[in-house]
Amino acid sequence: MTAEAPTIVATTMGFHRGGRRWTPGPVFAFAFELARAAERPRLCFVTTAGGDQPASIGGFYGAFAGTEVRTSHLALFDMPNVEDVREHLLSQDVIWVDRGSLVNLIAVWRAHGLDTIMRECWEAGVVLAGESAGSLCWHAGGVTDSFGPLVRPAEGLGLLPYGNAVHYLQRRKRFHALMREGALPSVGYTTESGAGLLYQGTRLVEAIADRPAATAYRVECKDGRVEEQALVPRRLA
């Protein structure tokens, strides 16, 4: 089964990484439900933004060990770990993109043709999801520290025609300034830590959260003035 419509879950949440073992947050069950894959869902973990570090890949597999989730990962360093990247990704129920450098992720994906493949997956009903860089990448652009401490704008794949910011409380002022400068789209959606956004097609359906007080926002710049609307999220069980 696949999602009823092209679906993206863009978040500032995902795994709980403290302690000796990663554990998956409730957003994964939510994504499997959207993919209509309640039994033995197929989940591919994409770690390009973090340089395909073995520790991250190991943490992912440990998080789902002993469950019914059929896990796999896509690594692109030093070469793809699957023979046919397109075929592998199109066979998934959910693709989860991990955090790291948005700029490096987009550059490597484009070199390998994943910009086209991810769009094809999205249109085919594979649920695209992720945390931090894995949120920013689906949007037209976002704010990132990929270049260093000064947060700067960078392009995403543009499946969603909006700006995006994660860890929004720390990046709000910069996000607003870049919208005023025209460096980002005039409409954006943002998430605090623990919040996420569900899109079907290019329409925002709802905000979600995995903890109390986490909030998402719709931000719009009109004639140089930025207006912000808090989106009350639905708490995931």
C-alpha atoms as a PDB file:
ATOM      1  CA  MET A   1       0.000   0.000   0.000  1.00  0.00           C
ATOM      2  CA  THR A   2       1.033   3.605  -0.508  1.00  0.00           C
ATOM      3  CA  ALA A   3      -0.171   6.948   0.825  1.00  0.00           C
ATOM      4  CA  GLU A   4      -3.470   8.268  -0.545  1.00  0.00           C
ATOM      5  CA  ALA A   5      -1.728  11.430  -1.813  1.00  0.00           C
ATOM      6  CA  PRO A   6       1.874  12.625  -2.145  1.00  0.00           C
ATOM      7  CA  THR A   7       2.880  12.950   1.504  1.00  0.00           C
ATOM      8  CA  ILE A   8       5.703  14.638   3.393  1.00  0.00           C
ATOM      9  CA  VAL A   9       6.312  14.674   7.150  1.00  0.00           C
ATOM     10  CA  ALA A  10       8.858  17.426   7.899  1.00  0.00           C
ATOM     11  CA  THR A  11       9.988  17.561  11.515  1.00  0.00           C
ATOM     12  CA  THR A  12      12.335  18.630  14.255  1.00  0.00           C
ATOM     13  CA  MET A  13      11.939  15.240  15.957  1.00  0.00           C
ATOM     14  CA  GLY A  14      12.488  11.577  15.280  1.00  0.00           C
ATOM     15  CA  PHE A  15      14.753   9.278  17.282  1.00  0.00           C
ATOM     16  CA  HIS A  16      15.519   9.561  20.979  1.00  0.00           C
ATOM     17  CA  ARG A  17      19.290   9.241  20.877  1.00  0.00           C
ATOM     18  CA  GLY A  18      20.221   9.482  24.538  1.00  0.00           C
ATOM     19  CA  GLY A  19      21.471   6.513  26.482  1.00  0.00           C
ATOM     20  CA  ARG A  20      23.023   3.379  25.059  1.00  0.00           C
ATOM     21  CA  ARG A  21      20.461   2.761  22.324  1.00  0.00           C
ATOM     22  CA  TRP A  22      18.353   4.862  19.968  1.00  0.00           C
ATOM     23  CA  THR A  23      14.592   4.504  20.300  1.00  0.00           C
ATOM     24  CA  PRO A  24      12.063   5.582  17.664  1.00  0.00           C
ATOM     25  CA  GLY A  25       9.627   8.351  18.537  1.00  0.00           C
ATOM     26  CA  PRO A  26       5.902   8.149  17.726  1.00  0.00           C
ATOM     27  CA  VAL A  27       6.377   9.955  14.417  1.00  0.00           C
ATOM     28  CA  PHE A  28       7.430   6.660  12.831  1.00  0.00           C
ATOM     29  CA  ALA A  29       4.147   4.912  13.634  1.00  0.00           C
ATOM     30  CA  PHE A  30       2.402   8.025  12.323  1.00  0.00           C
ATOM     31  CA  ALA A  31       4.344   7.818   9.039  1.00  0.00           C
ATOM     32  CA  PHE A  32       3.590   4.086   8.674  1.00  0.00           C
ATOM     33  CA  GLU A  33      -0.105   4.837   9.150  1.00  0.00           C
ATOM     34  CA  LEU A  34       0.021   7.511   6.449  1.00  0.00           C
ATOM     35  CA  ALA A  35       1.681   4.983   4.138  1.00  0.00           C
ATOM     36  CA  ARG A  36      -1.118   2.506   4.967  1.00  0.00           C
ATOM     37  CA  ALA A  37       1.557   0.016   5.973  1.00  0.00           C
ATOM     38  CA  ALA A  38       0.571  -1.014   9.485  1.00  0.00           C
ATOM     39  CA  GLU A  39       1.996  -4.549   9.132  1.00  0.00           C
ATOM     40  CA  ARG A  40       5.687  -5.014   8.384  1.00  0.00           C
ATOM     41  CA  PRO A  41       6.286  -1.524   6.966  1.00  0.00           C
ATOM     42  CA  ARG A  42       9.340  -0.955   4.793  1.00  0.00           C
ATOM     43  CA  LEU A  43      11.504   1.885   6.097  1.00  0.00           C
ATOM     44  CA  CYS A  44      14.667   3.197   4.440  1.00  0.00           C
ATOM     45  CA  PHE A  45      17.056   5.400   6.426  1.00  0.00           C
ATOM     46  CA  VAL A  46      19.010   7.979   4.401  1.00  0.00           C
ATOM     47  CA  THR A  47      22.026   9.509   6.140  1.00  0.00           C
ATOM     48  CA  THR A  48      23.626  11.553   3.369  1.00  0.00           C
ATOM     49  CA  ALA A  49      23.450  14.778   5.400  1.00  0.00           C
ATOM     50  CA  GLY A  50      25.628  13.236   8.106  1.00  0.00           C
ATOM     51  CA  GLY A  51      28.126  11.651   5.722  1.00  0.00           C
ATOM     52  CA  ASP A  52      26.743   8.105   6.125  1.00  0.00           C
ATOM     53  CA  GLN A  53      28.427   7.638   9.488  1.00  0.00           C
ATOM     54  CA  PRO A  54      28.424   4.001  10.673  1.00  0.00           C
ATOM     55  CA  ALA A  55      27.339   5.033  14.185  1.00  0.00           C
ATOM     56  CA  SER A  56      24.144   6.611  12.836  1.00  0.00           C
ATOM     57  CA  ILE A  57      23.367   3.643  10.627  1.00  0.00           C
ATOM     58  CA  GLY A  58      23.963   1.294  13.554  1.00  0.00           C
ATOM     59  CA  GLY A  59      21.744   3.416  15.801  1.00  0.00           C
ATOM     60  CA  PHE A  60      18.936   3.177  13.259  1.00  0.00           C
ATOM     61  CA  TYR A  61      19.077  -0.598  12.990  1.00  0.00           C
ATOM     62  CA  GLY A  62      19.282  -0.937  16.769  1.00  0.00           C
ATOM     63  CA  ALA A  63      16.197   1.232  17.205  1.00  0.00           C
ATOM     64  CA  PHE A  64      14.022  -1.173  15.216  1.00  0.00           C
ATOM     65  CA  ALA A  65      15.696  -4.456  16.182  1.00  0.00           C
ATOM     66  CA  GLY A  66      13.108  -7.046  17.180  1.00  0.00           C
ATOM     67  CA  THR A  67      10.207  -5.169  15.567  1.00  0.00           C
ATOM     68  CA  GLU A  68       8.148  -5.944  12.479  1.00  0.00           C
ATOM     69  CA  VAL A  69       9.649  -2.996  10.591  1.00  0.00           C
ATOM     70  CA  ARG A  70      11.583  -4.072   7.494  1.00  0.00           C
ATOM     71  CA  THR A  71      14.580  -1.770   7.688  1.00  0.00           C
ATOM     72  CA  SER A  72      17.175  -0.792   5.128  1.00  0.00           C
ATOM     73  CA  HIS A  73      19.466   2.144   4.554  1.00  0.00           C
ATOM     74  CA  LEU A  74      20.824   4.059   1.606  1.00  0.00           C
ATOM     75  CA  ALA A  75      24.453   5.144   1.810  1.00  0.00           C
ATOM     76  CA  LEU A  76      26.146   7.101  -0.979  1.00  0.00           C
ATOM     77  CA  PHE A  77      29.680   7.267   0.484  1.00  0.00           C
ATOM     78  CA  ASP A  78      31.979   5.978  -0.945  1.00  0.00           C
ATOM     79  CA  MET A  79      29.540   4.489  -3.431  1.00  0.00           C
ATOM     80  CA  PRO A  80      25.858   3.478  -3.259  1.00  0.00           C
ATOM     81  CA  ASN A  81      25.301   0.425  -1.093  1.00  0.00           C
ATOM     82  CA  VAL A  82      22.375  -0.783  -3.224  1.00  0.00           C
ATOM     83  CA  GLU A  83      22.654  -1.780  -6.869  1.00  0.00           C
ATOM     84  CA  ASP A  84      19.610   0.171  -8.104  1.00  0.00           C
ATOM     85  CA  VAL A  85      18.910   3.251  -5.968  1.00  0.00           C
ATOM     86  CA  ARG A  86      15.691   4.162  -7.776  1.00  0.00           C
ATOM     87  CA  GLU A  87      14.218   0.682  -7.533  1.00  0.00           C
ATOM     88  CA  HIS A  88      15.140   0.408  -3.862  1.00  0.00           C
ATOM     89  CA  LEU A  89      13.591   3.726  -2.858  1.00  0.00           C
ATOM     90  CA  LEU A  90      10.416   3.188  -4.869  1.00  0.00           C
ATOM     91  CA  SER A  91       9.880  -0.118  -3.047  1.00  0.00           C
ATOM     92  CA  GLN A  92       9.689   1.577   0.371  1.00  0.00           C
ATOM     93  CA  ASP A  93       6.669   2.640   2.422  1.00  0.00           C
ATOM     94  CA  VAL A  94       8.566   5.415   4.225  1.00  0.00           C
ATOM     95  CA  ILE A  95      11.889   7.109   3.489  1.00  0.00           C
ATOM     96  CA  TRP A  96      13.375   8.803   6.563  1.00  0.00           C
ATOM     97  CA  VAL A  97      16.099  11.400   5.966  1.00  0.00           C
ATOM     98  CA  ASP A  98      18.382  12.028   8.944  1.00  0.00           C
ATOM     99  CA  ARG A  99      19.814  15.292  10.210  1.00  0.00           C
ATOM    100  CA  GLY A 100      23.119  16.927   9.237  1.00  0.00           C
ATOM    101  CA  SER A 101      24.210  19.315   6.482  1.00  0.00           C
ATOM    102  CA  LEU A 102      21.438  20.422   4.118  1.00  0.00           C
ATOM    103  CA  VAL A 103      23.934  21.876   1.647  1.00  0.00           C
ATOM    104  CA  ASN A 104      25.993  18.691   1.417  1.00  0.00           C
ATOM    105  CA  LEU A 105      22.852  16.550   1.176  1.00  0.00           C
ATOM    106  CA  ILE A 106      21.439  18.499  -1.774  1.00  0.00           C
ATOM    107  CA  ALA A 107      24.782  18.553  -3.609  1.00  0.00           C
ATOM    108  CA  VAL A 108      25.320  14.800  -3.274  1.00  0.00           C
ATOM    109  CA  TRP A 109      21.712  13.937  -4.086  1.00  0.00           C
ATOM    110  CA  ARG A 110      21.819  15.992  -7.272  1.00  0.00           C
ATOM    111  CA  ALA A 111      25.084  14.350  -8.314  1.00  0.00           C
ATOM    112  CA  HIS A 112      23.448  10.929  -7.920  1.00  0.00           C
ATOM    113  CA  GLY A 113      20.095  11.906  -9.447  1.00  0.00           C
ATOM    114  CA  LEU A 114      18.220  11.580  -6.162  1.00  0.00           C
ATOM    115  CA  ASP A 115      16.483  14.919  -6.695  1.00  0.00           C
ATOM    116  CA  THR A 116      14.553  13.287  -9.540  1.00  0.00           C
ATOM    117  CA  ILE A 117      14.151   9.947  -7.761  1.00  0.00           C
ATOM    118  CA  MET A 118      12.764  11.513  -4.576  1.00  0.00           C
ATOM    119  CA  ARG A 119      10.164  13.430  -6.591  1.00  0.00           C
ATOM    120  CA  GLU A 120       9.168  10.187  -8.311  1.00  0.00           C
ATOM    121  CA  CYS A 121       8.838   8.453  -4.926  1.00  0.00           C
ATOM    122  CA  TRP A 122       6.708  11.307  -3.587  1.00  0.00           C
ATOM    123  CA  GLU A 123       4.382  11.208  -6.595  1.00  0.00           C
ATOM    124  CA  ALA A 124       4.147   7.402  -6.312  1.00  0.00           C
ATOM    125  CA  GLY A 125       2.899   7.573  -2.704  1.00  0.00           C
ATOM    126  CA  VAL A 126       6.059   6.734  -0.780  1.00  0.00           C
ATOM    127  CA  VAL A 127       5.932   8.836   2.405  1.00  0.00           C
ATOM    128  CA  LEU A 128       8.925  11.186   2.540  1.00  0.00           C
ATOM    129  CA  ALA A 129       9.914  12.197   6.044  1.00  0.00           C
ATOM    130  CA  GLY A 130      12.806  13.355   8.152  1.00  0.00           C
ATOM    131  CA  GLU A 131      14.335  15.463  10.862  1.00  0.00           C
ATOM    132  CA  SER A 132      16.184  18.789  10.600  1.00  0.00           C
ATOM    133  CA  ALA A 133      18.014  18.585   7.243  1.00  0.00           C
ATOM    134  CA  GLY A 134      15.452  15.864   6.529  1.00  0.00           C
ATOM    135  CA  SER A 135      12.767  18.538   6.887  1.00  0.00           C
ATOM    136  CA  LEU A 136      14.497  21.391   5.102  1.00  0.00           C
ATOM    137  CA  CYS A 137      15.342  19.318   2.037  1.00  0.00           C
ATOM    138  CA  TRP A 138      11.754  18.968   0.810  1.00  0.00           C
ATOM    139  CA  HIS A 139      11.091  22.728   0.796  1.00  0.00           C
ATOM    140  CA  ALA A 140      12.055  25.427  -1.708  1.00  0.00           C
ATOM    141  CA  GLY A 141      14.588  26.759   0.781  1.00  0.00           C
ATOM    142  CA  GLY A 142      15.456  27.038   4.425  1.00  0.00           C
ATOM    143  CA  VAL A 143      17.912  28.357   6.955  1.00  0.00           C
ATOM    144  CA  THR A 144      20.914  26.210   7.805  1.00  0.00           C
ATOM    145  CA  ASP A 145      24.207  26.267   9.672  1.00  0.00           C
ATOM    146  CA  SER A 146      25.775  24.067   6.968  1.00  0.00           C
ATOM    147  CA  PHE A 147      28.279  26.840   6.207  1.00  0.00           C
ATOM    148  CA  GLY A 148      29.164  27.538   9.851  1.00  0.00           C
ATOM    149  CA  PRO A 149      27.706  29.319  12.898  1.00  0.00           C
ATOM    150  CA  LEU A 150      26.076  32.106  10.878  1.00  0.00           C
ATOM    151  CA  VAL A 151      22.727  30.754   9.740  1.00  0.00           C
ATOM    152  CA  ARG A 152      22.341  31.218   5.985  1.00  0.00           C
ATOM    153  CA  PRO A 153      19.704  30.413   3.358  1.00  0.00           C
ATOM    154  CA  ALA A 154      20.052  27.343   1.174  1.00  0.00           C
ATOM    155  CA  GLU A 155      17.970  25.620  -1.467  1.00  0.00           C
ATOM    156  CA  GLY A 156      16.026  22.423  -0.967  1.00  0.00           C
ATOM    157  CA  LEU A 157      14.483  20.168  -3.600  1.00  0.00           C
ATOM    158  CA  GLY A 158      11.436  22.409  -3.958  1.00  0.00           C
ATOM    159  CA  LEU A 159       8.759  19.719  -3.701  1.00  0.00           C
ATOM    160  CA  LEU A 160       7.065  22.165  -1.327  1.00  0.00           C
ATOM    161  CA  PRO A 161       7.032  25.833  -2.451  1.00  0.00           C
ATOM    162  CA  TYR A 162       7.698  27.246   1.016  1.00  0.00           C
ATOM    163  CA  GLY A 163      10.553  28.300   3.240  1.00  0.00           C
ATOM    164  CA  ASN A 164      11.326  26.142   6.252  1.00  0.00           C
ATOM    165  CA  ALA A 165      13.148  26.489   9.540  1.00  0.00           C
ATOM    166  CA  VAL A 166      13.851  23.848  12.160  1.00  0.00           C
ATOM    167  CA  HIS A 167      14.883  24.553  15.765  1.00  0.00           C
ATOM    168  CA  TYR A 168      12.853  27.674  15.158  1.00  0.00           C
ATOM    169  CA  LEU A 169      13.276  29.366  18.532  1.00  0.00           C
ATOM    170  CA  GLN A 170      17.004  29.694  17.856  1.00  0.00           C
ATOM    171  CA  ARG A 171      16.575  30.764  14.209  1.00  0.00           C
ATOM    172  CA  ARG A 172      13.460  32.942  14.240  1.00  0.00           C
ATOM    173  CA  LYS A 173      15.153  36.353  13.884  1.00  0.00           C
ATOM    174  CA  ARG A 174      17.399  35.194  11.073  1.00  0.00           C
ATOM    175  CA  PHE A 175      14.517  33.485   9.271  1.00  0.00           C
ATOM    176  CA  HIS A 176      12.455  36.684   9.409  1.00  0.00           C
ATOM    177  CA  ALA A 177      15.367  38.805   8.183  1.00  0.00           C
ATOM    178  CA  LEU A 178      15.995  36.539   5.205  1.00  0.00           C
ATOM    179  CA  MET A 179      12.319  36.587   4.284  1.00  0.00           C
ATOM    180  CA  ARG A 180      12.375  40.396   4.297  1.00  0.00           C
ATOM    181  CA  GLU A 181      15.458  40.340   2.053  1.00  0.00           C
ATOM    182  CA  GLY A 182      13.730  38.022  -0.426  1.00  0.00           C
ATOM    183  CA  ALA A 183      16.299  35.275   0.144  1.00  0.00           C
ATOM    184  CA  LEU A 184      13.494  32.874   1.113  1.00  0.00           C
ATOM    185  CA  PRO A 185       9.930  32.416  -0.171  1.00  0.00           C
ATOM    186  CA  SER A 186       7.353  34.849   1.192  1.00  0.00           C
ATOM    187  CA  VAL A 187       5.497  32.024   2.974  1.00  0.00           C
ATOM    188  CA  GLY A 188       7.189  29.556   5.281  1.00  0.00           C
ATOM    189  CA  TYR A 189       6.418  26.860   7.835  1.00  0.00           C
ATOM    190  CA  THR A 190       8.627  26.258  10.835  1.00  0.00           C
ATOM    191  CA  THR A 191       8.985  23.868  13.759  1.00  0.00           C
ATOM    192  CA  GLU A 192      10.326  24.028  17.272  1.00  0.00           C
ATOM    193  CA  SER A 193      12.093  20.980  18.705  1.00  0.00           C
ATOM    194  CA  GLY A 194       9.531  18.220  19.067  1.00  0.00           C
ATOM    195  CA  ALA A 195       7.165  19.520  16.377  1.00  0.00           C
ATOM    196  CA  GLY A 196       6.466  18.499  12.799  1.00  0.00           C
ATOM    197  CA  LEU A 197       4.411  19.312   9.720  1.00  0.00           C
ATOM    198  CA  LEU A 198       2.233  17.036   7.612  1.00  0.00           C
ATOM    199  CA  TYR A 199       1.790  17.974   3.959  1.00  0.00           C
ATOM    200  CA  GLN A 200      -0.373  16.217   1.392  1.00  0.00           C
ATOM    201  CA  GLY A 201       0.481  17.432  -2.059  1.00  0.00           C
ATOM    202  CA  THR A 202       1.711  20.945  -1.337  1.00  0.00           C
ATOM    203  CA  ARG A 203      -1.014  21.667   1.232  1.00  0.00           C
ATOM    204  CA  LEU A 204      -0.250  21.771   4.937  1.00  0.00           C
ATOM    205  CA  VAL A 205      -2.710  19.408   6.609  1.00  0.00           C
ATOM    206  CA  GLU A 206      -1.723  19.713  10.260  1.00  0.00           C
ATOM    207  CA  ALA A 207       1.038  20.280  12.765  1.00  0.00           C
ATOM    208  CA  ILE A 208       2.088  17.413  15.052  1.00  0.00           C
ATOM    209  CA  ALA A 209       4.230  17.097  18.193  1.00  0.00           C
ATOM    210  CA  ASP A 210       5.804  14.361  20.293  1.00  0.00           C
ATOM    211  CA  ARG A 211       6.120  16.404  23.504  1.00  0.00           C
ATOM    212  CA  PRO A 212       4.267  19.133  25.406  1.00  0.00           C
ATOM    213  CA  ALA A 213       4.598  22.794  24.365  1.00  0.00           C
ATOM    214  CA  ALA A 214       6.289  22.068  21.010  1.00  0.00           C
ATOM    215  CA  THR A 215       4.829  24.426  18.421  1.00  0.00           C
ATOM    216  CA  ALA A 216       4.882  24.992  14.661  1.00  0.00           C
ATOM    217  CA  TYR A 217       4.281  28.268  12.835  1.00  0.00           C
ATOM    218  CA  ARG A 218       3.084  29.685   9.556  1.00  0.00           C
ATOM    219  CA  VAL A 219       5.184  32.725   8.672  1.00  0.00           C
ATOM    220  CA  GLU A 220       4.414  35.186   5.893  1.00  0.00           C
ATOM    221  CA  CYS A 221       6.193  38.319   4.701  1.00  0.00           C
ATOM    222  CA  LYS A 222       3.987  41.051   3.210  1.00  0.00           C
ATOM    223  CA  ASP A 223       5.480  44.333   2.049  1.00  0.00           C
ATOM    224  CA  GLY A 224       8.500  43.830   4.296  1.00  0.00           C
ATOM    225  CA  ARG A 225       6.430  42.981   7.366  1.00  0.00           C
ATOM    226  CA  VAL A 226       6.628  39.466   8.803  1.00  0.00           C
ATOM    227  CA  GLU A 227       3.470  37.978  10.314  1.00  0.00           C
ATOM    228  CA  GLU A 228       3.608  34.783  12.360  1.00  0.00           C
ATOM    229  CA  GLN A 229       0.758  32.421  13.221  1.00  0.00           C
ATOM    230  CA  ALA A 230       1.204  29.667  15.786  1.00  0.00           C
ATOM    231  CA  LEU A 231      -0.165  26.292  14.689  1.00  0.00           C
ATOM    232  CA  VAL A 232      -1.416  24.227  17.612  1.00  0.00           C
ATOM    233  CA  PRO A 233      -0.080  20.719  17.011  1.00  0.00           C
ATOM    234  CA  ARG A 234      -1.817  17.416  17.534  1.00  0.00           C
ATOM    235  CA  ARG A 235       0.086  15.374  20.098  1.00  0.00           C
ATOM    236  CA  LEU A 236       1.181  11.979  18.841  1.00  0.00           C
ATOM    237  CA  ALA A 237       0.640   9.091  21.221  1.00  0.00           C
END
